[in-house]
């Protein structure tokens, strides 16, 4: 079984051409289910290939959605 590719927030920001803050804020939301390692000083978010695909396909529309 091949090992999964593991990425950090810095790697994701570079791969997706976005800011580090955008990747971090996406990872912090519990509904996005990004795994984290808790150290004594900070959380390190661990991204896998599926997580990056979900991040690339996220809704990037600004503002509040219209009522239909």
N, C-alpha and C. Protein backbone atom coordinates (compact mmCIF):
# COMPACT_ATOMS: atom_id res chain seq x y z
N UNK A 1 0.85 -1.18 0.00
CA UNK A 1 0.00 0.00 0.00
C UNK A 1 0.90 1.25 0.00
N UNK A 2 0.67 2.18 -0.94
CA UNK A 2 1.53 3.37 -1.00
C UNK A 2 1.24 4.32 0.15
N UNK A 3 2.27 5.04 0.55
CA UNK A 3 2.10 6.02 1.62
C UNK A 3 1.36 7.25 1.08
N UNK A 4 0.45 7.82 1.87
CA UNK A 4 -0.25 9.03 1.39
C UNK A 4 0.67 10.25 1.43
N UNK A 5 0.43 11.17 0.52
CA UNK A 5 1.18 12.42 0.54
C UNK A 5 0.65 13.29 1.66
N UNK A 6 1.54 13.88 2.43
CA UNK A 6 1.16 14.72 3.56
C UNK A 6 1.68 16.12 3.31
N UNK A 7 0.83 17.12 3.54
CA UNK A 7 1.17 18.51 3.30
C UNK A 7 0.86 19.34 4.54
N UNK A 8 1.52 20.49 4.66
CA UNK A 8 1.22 21.45 5.72
C UNK A 8 0.51 22.65 5.10
N UNK A 9 0.12 23.60 5.93
CA UNK A 9 -0.55 24.80 5.43
C UNK A 9 0.33 25.56 4.44
N UNK A 10 1.62 25.62 4.70
CA UNK A 10 2.54 26.32 3.80
C UNK A 10 2.57 25.65 2.43
N UNK A 11 2.59 24.32 2.42
CA UNK A 11 2.61 23.58 1.16
C UNK A 11 1.32 23.81 0.38
N UNK A 12 0.20 23.77 1.07
CA UNK A 12 -1.10 23.95 0.41
C UNK A 12 -1.21 25.36 -0.18
N UNK A 13 -0.76 26.35 0.56
CA UNK A 13 -0.81 27.73 0.06
C UNK A 13 0.03 27.86 -1.21
N UNK A 14 1.16 27.21 -1.24
CA UNK A 14 2.02 27.27 -2.42
C UNK A 14 1.41 26.51 -3.59
N UNK A 15 0.86 25.32 -3.34
CA UNK A 15 0.27 24.51 -4.40
C UNK A 15 -0.97 25.16 -5.01
N UNK A 16 -1.78 25.81 -4.18
CA UNK A 16 -3.05 26.37 -4.64
C UNK A 16 -2.97 27.85 -4.98
N UNK A 17 -1.81 28.43 -4.89
CA UNK A 17 -1.61 29.86 -5.19
C UNK A 17 -2.54 30.75 -4.37
N UNK A 18 -2.56 30.53 -3.09
CA UNK A 18 -3.36 31.36 -2.20
C UNK A 18 -2.48 31.74 -1.01
N UNK A 19 -3.02 32.55 -0.13
CA UNK A 19 -2.24 32.97 1.03
C UNK A 19 -2.24 31.89 2.11
N UNK A 20 -1.26 31.97 2.97
CA UNK A 20 -1.17 31.05 4.10
C UNK A 20 -2.41 31.19 4.99
N UNK A 21 -2.86 32.43 5.20
CA UNK A 21 -4.02 32.69 6.06
C UNK A 21 -5.28 32.02 5.52
N UNK A 22 -5.46 32.02 4.21
CA UNK A 22 -6.64 31.38 3.61
C UNK A 22 -6.63 29.88 3.88
N UNK A 23 -5.49 29.25 3.68
CA UNK A 23 -5.38 27.82 3.93
C UNK A 23 -5.59 27.51 5.41
N UNK A 24 -5.03 28.35 6.28
CA UNK A 24 -5.17 28.12 7.72
C UNK A 24 -6.62 28.27 8.17
N UNK A 25 -7.29 29.31 7.70
CA UNK A 25 -8.69 29.52 8.09
C UNK A 25 -9.59 28.39 7.60
N UNK A 26 -9.32 27.88 6.40
CA UNK A 26 -10.08 26.74 5.88
C UNK A 26 -9.85 25.52 6.76
N UNK A 27 -8.61 25.29 7.16
CA UNK A 27 -8.27 24.12 7.97
C UNK A 27 -8.86 24.21 9.37
N UNK A 28 -9.04 25.41 9.90
CA UNK A 28 -9.53 25.58 11.27
C UNK A 28 -11.01 25.25 11.41
N UNK A 29 -11.77 25.31 10.33
CA UNK A 29 -13.21 25.05 10.41
C UNK A 29 -13.44 23.55 10.58
N UNK A 30 -14.20 23.16 11.61
CA UNK A 30 -14.40 21.72 11.88
C UNK A 30 -15.13 20.99 10.77
N UNK A 31 -16.00 21.68 10.02
CA UNK A 31 -16.76 21.00 8.96
C UNK A 31 -15.87 20.58 7.79
N UNK A 32 -14.65 21.13 7.70
CA UNK A 32 -13.75 20.75 6.60
C UNK A 32 -12.92 19.52 6.94
N UNK A 33 -12.93 19.09 8.19
CA UNK A 33 -12.33 17.83 8.65
C UNK A 33 -10.86 17.68 8.28
N UNK A 34 -10.07 18.73 8.51
CA UNK A 34 -8.62 18.63 8.31
C UNK A 34 -8.00 18.15 9.62
N UNK A 35 -7.19 17.11 9.55
CA UNK A 35 -6.57 16.52 10.74
C UNK A 35 -5.47 17.45 11.25
N UNK A 36 -5.32 17.53 12.58
CA UNK A 36 -4.25 18.35 13.13
C UNK A 36 -3.48 17.59 14.19
N UNK A 37 -2.24 17.98 14.36
CA UNK A 37 -1.39 17.46 15.43
C UNK A 37 -1.26 18.58 16.45
N UNK A 38 -1.54 18.29 17.69
CA UNK A 38 -1.51 19.31 18.73
C UNK A 38 -0.17 19.24 19.46
N UNK A 39 0.62 20.30 19.32
CA UNK A 39 1.86 20.39 20.08
C UNK A 39 1.59 21.32 21.26
N UNK A 40 2.57 21.53 22.08
CA UNK A 40 2.36 22.40 23.25
C UNK A 40 2.18 23.86 22.85
N UNK A 41 2.76 24.26 21.74
CA UNK A 41 2.71 25.67 21.37
C UNK A 41 1.69 26.00 20.28
N UNK A 42 1.40 25.04 19.37
CA UNK A 42 0.46 25.34 18.29
C UNK A 42 -0.08 24.07 17.66
N UNK A 43 -1.11 24.23 16.81
CA UNK A 43 -1.65 23.12 16.05
C UNK A 43 -0.98 23.08 14.69
N UNK A 44 -0.64 21.89 14.26
CA UNK A 44 -0.08 21.70 12.93
C UNK A 44 -1.12 20.92 12.13
N UNK A 45 -1.66 21.55 11.09
CA UNK A 45 -2.68 20.90 10.27
C UNK A 45 -2.01 20.01 9.23
N UNK A 46 -2.52 18.80 9.10
CA UNK A 46 -1.98 17.81 8.17
C UNK A 46 -2.99 17.62 7.05
N UNK A 47 -2.59 17.96 5.84
CA UNK A 47 -3.45 17.87 4.67
C UNK A 47 -3.08 16.63 3.85
N UNK A 48 -4.09 15.98 3.29
CA UNK A 48 -3.89 14.87 2.38
C UNK A 48 -4.39 15.28 1.00
N UNK A 49 -4.19 14.42 0.01
CA UNK A 49 -4.57 14.77 -1.36
C UNK A 49 -6.07 15.06 -1.49
N UNK A 50 -6.91 14.28 -0.79
CA UNK A 50 -8.37 14.52 -0.85
C UNK A 50 -8.73 15.89 -0.28
N UNK A 51 -8.05 16.28 0.79
CA UNK A 51 -8.31 17.58 1.41
C UNK A 51 -7.96 18.72 0.45
N UNK A 52 -6.87 18.56 -0.27
CA UNK A 52 -6.46 19.60 -1.21
C UNK A 52 -7.46 19.71 -2.35
N UNK A 53 -7.98 18.58 -2.83
CA UNK A 53 -8.99 18.62 -3.89
C UNK A 53 -10.25 19.33 -3.41
N UNK A 54 -10.68 19.04 -2.17
CA UNK A 54 -11.85 19.74 -1.62
C UNK A 54 -11.58 21.23 -1.48
N UNK A 55 -10.37 21.60 -1.10
CA UNK A 55 -10.00 23.01 -0.94
C UNK A 55 -10.02 23.71 -2.30
N UNK A 56 -9.51 23.07 -3.33
CA UNK A 56 -9.52 23.66 -4.67
C UNK A 56 -10.93 23.84 -5.21
N UNK A 57 -11.85 22.94 -4.84
CA UNK A 57 -13.22 22.98 -5.34
C UNK A 57 -14.18 23.72 -4.43
N UNK A 58 -13.68 24.44 -3.44
CA UNK A 58 -14.54 25.14 -2.49
C UNK A 58 -15.25 26.31 -3.18
N UNK A 59 -16.31 26.78 -2.54
CA UNK A 59 -17.05 27.93 -3.04
C UNK A 59 -16.27 29.19 -2.70
N UNK A 60 -15.85 29.92 -3.74
CA UNK A 60 -15.06 31.12 -3.51
C UNK A 60 -15.85 32.40 -3.78
N UNK A 61 -17.17 32.26 -3.95
CA UNK A 61 -17.99 33.45 -4.18
C UNK A 61 -17.99 34.32 -2.93
N UNK A 62 -17.89 35.62 -3.14
CA UNK A 62 -17.85 36.54 -2.00
C UNK A 62 -19.25 36.97 -1.64
N UNK A 63 -19.40 37.33 -0.39
CA UNK A 63 -20.68 37.86 0.07
C UNK A 63 -21.66 36.79 0.46
N UNK A 64 -22.84 37.25 0.79
CA UNK A 64 -23.90 36.37 1.25
C UNK A 64 -24.66 35.81 0.05
N UNK A 65 -25.01 34.52 0.06
CA UNK A 65 -25.74 33.96 -1.08
C UNK A 65 -27.17 34.53 -1.17
N UNK A 66 -27.66 34.62 -2.39
CA UNK A 66 -29.02 35.12 -2.62
C UNK A 66 -30.06 34.13 -2.16
N UNK A 67 -31.22 34.65 -1.77
CA UNK A 67 -32.35 33.78 -1.46
C UNK A 67 -33.01 33.39 -2.78
N UNK A 68 -33.37 32.14 -2.88
CA UNK A 68 -34.00 31.66 -4.13
C UNK A 68 -35.48 31.52 -3.95
